[in-house]
Amino acid sequence: MPQMAPISWLFMFILFSFTLLMFCSSNYFLFKISPSQTFEKKINFNSFNWKW
């Protein structure tokens, strides 16, 4: 069984690293988040006059 030269291992590492980076970045940038329409701000501000 022939052995691979170190430059081939380096090239394979660079190739797979580049492929992983492109896959992760494409998943990150192509995924579009649609904001949910059901969420509304329902914050009740109760104003109290504190009399100490």
PDB file of N, CA and C in Angstrom:
ATOM      1  N   MET A   1       0.842  -1.175   0.000  1.00  0.00           N
ATOM      2  CA  MET A   1       0.000   0.000   0.000  1.00  0.00           C
ATOM      3  C   MET A   1       0.891   1.243   0.000  1.00  0.00           C
ATOM      4  N   PRO A   2       0.716   2.091  -0.985  1.00  0.00           N
ATOM      5  CA  PRO A   2       1.601   3.267  -1.059  1.00  0.00           C
ATOM      6  C   PRO A   2       1.257   4.296   0.009  1.00  0.00           C
ATOM      7  N   GLN A   3       2.274   4.997   0.424  1.00  0.00           N
ATOM      8  CA  GLN A   3       2.083   6.040   1.426  1.00  0.00           C
ATOM      9  C   GLN A   3       1.909   7.383   0.731  1.00  0.00           C
ATOM     10  N   MET A   4       1.223   8.291   1.445  1.00  0.00           N
ATOM     11  CA  MET A   4       1.010   9.622   0.885  1.00  0.00           C
ATOM     12  C   MET A   4       2.134  10.545   1.322  1.00  0.00           C
ATOM     13  N   ALA A   5       2.499  11.436   0.454  1.00  0.00           N
ATOM     14  CA  ALA A   5       3.523  12.429   0.776  1.00  0.00           C
ATOM     15  C   ALA A   5       2.924  13.460   1.727  1.00  0.00           C
ATOM     16  N   PRO A   6       3.759  14.104   2.551  1.00  0.00           N
ATOM     17  CA  PRO A   6       3.231  15.109   3.494  1.00  0.00           C
ATOM     18  C   PRO A   6       2.518  16.267   2.811  1.00  0.00           C
ATOM     19  N   ILE A   7       2.943  16.623   1.595  1.00  0.00           N
ATOM     20  CA  ILE A   7       2.265  17.725   0.899  1.00  0.00           C
ATOM     21  C   ILE A   7       0.845  17.315   0.509  1.00  0.00           C
ATOM     22  N   SER A   8       0.627  16.029   0.273  1.00  0.00           N
ATOM     23  CA  SER A   8      -0.729  15.565  -0.040  1.00  0.00           C
ATOM     24  C   SER A   8      -1.626  15.646   1.193  1.00  0.00           C
ATOM     25  N   TRP A   9      -1.075  15.308   2.361  1.00  0.00           N
ATOM     26  CA  TRP A   9      -1.848  15.440   3.597  1.00  0.00           C
ATOM     27  C   TRP A   9      -2.187  16.899   3.867  1.00  0.00           C
ATOM     28  N   LEU A  10      -1.230  17.775   3.612  1.00  0.00           N
ATOM     29  CA  LEU A  10      -1.474  19.204   3.812  1.00  0.00           C
ATOM     30  C   LEU A  10      -2.546  19.700   2.845  1.00  0.00           C
ATOM     31  N   PHE A  11      -2.460  19.268   1.597  1.00  0.00           N
ATOM     32  CA  PHE A  11      -3.462  19.675   0.614  1.00  0.00           C
ATOM     33  C   PHE A  11      -4.849  19.146   0.986  1.00  0.00           C
ATOM     34  N   MET A  12      -4.922  17.901   1.453  1.00  0.00           N
ATOM     35  CA  MET A  12      -6.212  17.350   1.877  1.00  0.00           C
ATOM     36  C   MET A  12      -6.767  18.094   3.082  1.00  0.00           C
ATOM     37  N   PHE A  13      -5.901  18.443   4.037  1.00  0.00           N
ATOM     38  CA  PHE A  13      -6.353  19.200   5.205  1.00  0.00           C
ATOM     39  C   PHE A  13      -6.888  20.565   4.794  1.00  0.00           C
ATOM     40  N   ILE A  14      -6.177  21.247   3.900  1.00  0.00           N
ATOM     41  CA  ILE A  14      -6.628  22.562   3.434  1.00  0.00           C
ATOM     42  C   ILE A  14      -7.937  22.432   2.659  1.00  0.00           C
ATOM     43  N   LEU A  15      -8.042  21.408   1.834  1.00  0.00           N
ATOM     44  CA  LEU A  15      -9.258  21.207   1.046  1.00  0.00           C
ATOM     45  C   LEU A  15     -10.472  20.933   1.935  1.00  0.00           C
ATOM     46  N   PHE A  16     -10.330  20.033   2.904  1.00  0.00           N
ATOM     47  CA  PHE A  16     -11.458  19.721   3.777  1.00  0.00           C
ATOM     48  C   PHE A  16     -11.786  20.877   4.721  1.00  0.00           C
ATOM     49  N   SER A  17     -10.770  21.611   5.155  1.00  0.00           N
ATOM     50  CA  SER A  17     -11.037  22.785   5.997  1.00  0.00           C
ATOM     51  C   SER A  17     -11.792  23.848   5.215  1.00  0.00           C
ATOM     52  N   PHE A  18     -11.382  24.071   3.971  1.00  0.00           N
ATOM     53  CA  PHE A  18     -12.066  25.050   3.129  1.00  0.00           C
ATOM     54  C   PHE A  18     -13.504  24.608   2.853  1.00  0.00           C
ATOM     55  N   THR A  19     -13.695  23.320   2.610  1.00  0.00           N
ATOM     56  CA  THR A  19     -15.044  22.799   2.377  1.00  0.00           C
ATOM     57  C   THR A  19     -15.920  22.970   3.612  1.00  0.00           C
ATOM     58  N   LEU A  20     -15.368  22.696   4.775  1.00  0.00           N
ATOM     59  CA  LEU A  20     -16.124  22.871   6.014  1.00  0.00           C
ATOM     60  C   LEU A  20     -16.482  24.335   6.240  1.00  0.00           C
ATOM     61  N   LEU A  21     -15.534  25.229   6.007  1.00  0.00           N
ATOM     62  CA  LEU A  21     -15.818  26.658   6.179  1.00  0.00           C
ATOM     63  C   LEU A  21     -16.878  27.140   5.196  1.00  0.00           C
ATOM     64  N   MET A  22     -16.806  26.696   3.962  1.00  0.00           N
ATOM     65  CA  MET A  22     -17.805  27.113   2.979  1.00  0.00           C
ATOM     66  C   MET A  22     -19.189  26.545   3.315  1.00  0.00           C
ATOM     67  N   PHE A  23     -19.237  25.317   3.793  1.00  0.00           N
ATOM     68  CA  PHE A  23     -20.514  24.709   4.166  1.00  0.00           C
ATOM     69  C   PHE A  23     -21.134  25.436   5.356  1.00  0.00           C
ATOM     70  N   CYS A  24     -20.328  25.718   6.368  1.00  0.00           N
ATOM     71  CA  CYS A  24     -20.856  26.400   7.562  1.00  0.00           C
ATOM     72  C   CYS A  24     -21.276  27.827   7.244  1.00  0.00           C
ATOM     73  N   SER A  25     -20.479  28.538   6.452  1.00  0.00           N
ATOM     74  CA  SER A  25     -20.842  29.913   6.128  1.00  0.00           C
ATOM     75  C   SER A  25     -22.068  29.960   5.217  1.00  0.00           C
ATOM     76  N   SER A  26     -22.209  29.001   4.314  1.00  0.00           N
ATOM     77  CA  SER A  26     -23.407  28.999   3.472  1.00  0.00           C
ATOM     78  C   SER A  26     -24.650  28.677   4.296  1.00  0.00           C
ATOM     79  N   ASN A  27     -24.535  27.785   5.264  1.00  0.00           N
ATOM     80  CA  ASN A  27     -25.677  27.513   6.135  1.00  0.00           C
ATOM     81  C   ASN A  27     -26.023  28.729   6.979  1.00  0.00           C
ATOM     82  N   TYR A  28     -25.007  29.473   7.394  1.00  0.00           N
ATOM     83  CA  TYR A  28     -25.258  30.641   8.237  1.00  0.00           C
ATOM     84  C   TYR A  28     -25.908  31.762   7.437  1.00  0.00           C
ATOM     85  N   PHE A  29     -25.402  32.029   6.240  1.00  0.00           N
ATOM     86  CA  PHE A  29     -25.885  33.172   5.484  1.00  0.00           C
ATOM     87  C   PHE A  29     -27.132  32.865   4.660  1.00  0.00           C
ATOM     88  N   LEU A  30     -27.393  31.627   4.336  1.00  0.00           N
ATOM     89  CA  LEU A  30     -28.562  31.303   3.525  1.00  0.00           C
ATOM     90  C   LEU A  30     -29.799  31.024   4.362  1.00  0.00           C
ATOM     91  N   PHE A  31     -29.639  30.834   5.658  1.00  0.00           N
ATOM     92  CA  PHE A  31     -30.784  30.579   6.526  1.00  0.00           C
ATOM     93  C   PHE A  31     -31.433  31.904   6.877  1.00  0.00           C
ATOM     94  N   LYS A  32     -32.676  32.079   6.447  1.00  0.00           N
ATOM     95  CA  LYS A  32     -33.370  33.343   6.676  1.00  0.00           C
ATOM     96  C   LYS A  32     -34.334  33.181   7.838  1.00  0.00           C
ATOM     97  N   ILE A  33     -34.186  34.012   8.826  1.00  0.00           N
ATOM     98  CA  ILE A  33     -35.046  33.950  10.002  1.00  0.00           C
ATOM     99  C   ILE A  33     -36.246  34.860   9.768  1.00  0.00           C
ATOM    100  N   SER A  34     -37.423  34.276   9.833  1.00  0.00           N
ATOM    101  CA  SER A  34     -38.627  35.082   9.693  1.00  0.00           C
ATOM    102  C   SER A  34     -39.155  35.396  11.089  1.00  0.00           C
ATOM    103  N   PRO A  35     -39.304  36.663  11.401  1.00  0.00           N
ATOM    104  CA  PRO A  35     -39.802  37.002  12.739  1.00  0.00           C
ATOM    105  C   PRO A  35     -41.257  36.583  12.899  1.00  0.00           C
ATOM    106  N   SER A  36     -41.554  36.081  14.049  1.00  0.00           N
ATOM    107  CA  SER A  36     -42.921  35.625  14.293  1.00  0.00           C
ATOM    108  C   SER A  36     -43.842  36.825  14.485  1.00  0.00           C
ATOM    109  N   GLN A  37     -45.003  36.727  13.911  1.00  0.00           N
ATOM    110  CA  GLN A  37     -45.955  37.827  13.967  1.00  0.00           C
ATOM    111  C   GLN A  37     -46.804  37.784  15.228  1.00  0.00           C
ATOM    112  N   THR A  38     -46.776  36.689  15.948  1.00  0.00           N
ATOM    113  CA  THR A  38     -47.635  36.566  17.118  1.00  0.00           C
ATOM    114  C   THR A  38     -47.045  37.254  18.339  1.00  0.00           C
ATOM    115  N   PHE A  39     -45.761  37.527  18.296  1.00  0.00           N
ATOM    116  CA  PHE A  39     -45.122  38.140  19.453  1.00  0.00           C
ATOM    117  C   PHE A  39     -45.386  39.638  19.445  1.00  0.00           C
ATOM    118  N   GLU A  40     -46.005  40.114  20.472  1.00  0.00           N
ATOM    119  CA  GLU A  40     -46.264  41.539  20.615  1.00  0.00           C
ATOM    120  C   GLU A  40     -45.774  41.970  21.982  1.00  0.00           C
ATOM    121  N   LYS A  41     -45.416  43.211  22.044  1.00  0.00           N
ATOM    122  CA  LYS A  41     -44.946  43.722  23.331  1.00  0.00           C
ATOM    123  C   LYS A  41     -46.151  43.983  24.228  1.00  0.00           C
ATOM    124  N   LYS A  42     -46.243  43.178  25.245  1.00  0.00           N
ATOM    125  CA  LYS A  42     -47.332  43.340  26.206  1.00  0.00           C
ATOM    126  C   LYS A  42     -46.715  43.566  27.577  1.00  0.00           C
ATOM    127  N   ILE A  43     -46.237  44.747  27.762  1.00  0.00           N
ATOM    128  CA  ILE A  43     -45.620  45.091  29.036  1.00  0.00           C
ATOM    129  C   ILE A  43     -46.530  46.105  29.722  1.00  0.00           C
ATOM    130  N   ASN A  44     -46.992  45.737  30.871  1.00  0.00           N
ATOM    131  CA  ASN A  44     -47.841  46.647  31.635  1.00  0.00           C
ATOM    132  C   ASN A  44     -46.977  47.418  32.617  1.00  0.00           C
ATOM    133  N   PHE A  45     -47.010  48.697  32.470  1.00  0.00           N
ATOM    134  CA  PHE A  45     -46.282  49.551  33.391  1.00  0.00           C
ATOM    135  C   PHE A  45     -47.272  50.097  34.414  1.00  0.00           C
ATOM    136  N   ASN A  46     -47.176  49.581  35.612  1.00  0.00           N
ATOM    137  CA  ASN A  46     -48.024  50.083  36.680  1.00  0.00           C
ATOM    138  C   ASN A  46     -47.273  51.196  37.395  1.00  0.00           C
ATOM    139  N   SER A  47     -47.849  52.360  37.329  1.00  0.00           N
ATOM    140  CA  SER A  47     -47.183  53.484  37.982  1.00  0.00           C
ATOM    141  C   SER A  47     -47.699  53.602  39.416  1.00  0.00           C
ATOM    142  N   PHE A  48     -46.789  53.465  40.334  1.00  0.00           N
ATOM    143  CA  PHE A  48     -47.114  53.593  41.747  1.00  0.00           C
ATOM    144  C   PHE A  48     -46.453  54.847  42.293  1.00  0.00           C
ATOM    145  N   ASN A  49     -47.191  55.558  43.099  1.00  0.00           N
ATOM    146  CA  ASN A  49     -46.599  56.659  43.840  1.00  0.00           C
ATOM    147  C   ASN A  49     -46.236  56.129  45.215  1.00  0.00           C
ATOM    148  N   TRP A  50     -44.985  55.879  45.390  1.00  0.00           N
ATOM    149  CA  TRP A  50     -44.531  55.350  46.668  1.00  0.00           C
ATOM    150  C   TRP A  50     -44.441  56.487  47.673  1.00  0.00           C
ATOM    151  N   LYS A  51     -45.161  56.345  48.738  1.00  0.00           N
ATOM    152  CA  LYS A  51     -45.138  57.370  49.781  1.00  0.00           C
ATOM    153  C   LYS A  51     -44.530  56.755  51.019  1.00  0.00           C
ATOM    154  N   TRP A  52     -43.306  57.065  51.250  1.00  0.00           N
ATOM    155  CA  TRP A  52     -42.582  56.495  52.386  1.00  0.00           C
ATOM    156  C   TRP A  52     -42.842  57.319  53.613  1.00  0.00           C
TER     157      TRP A  52
END
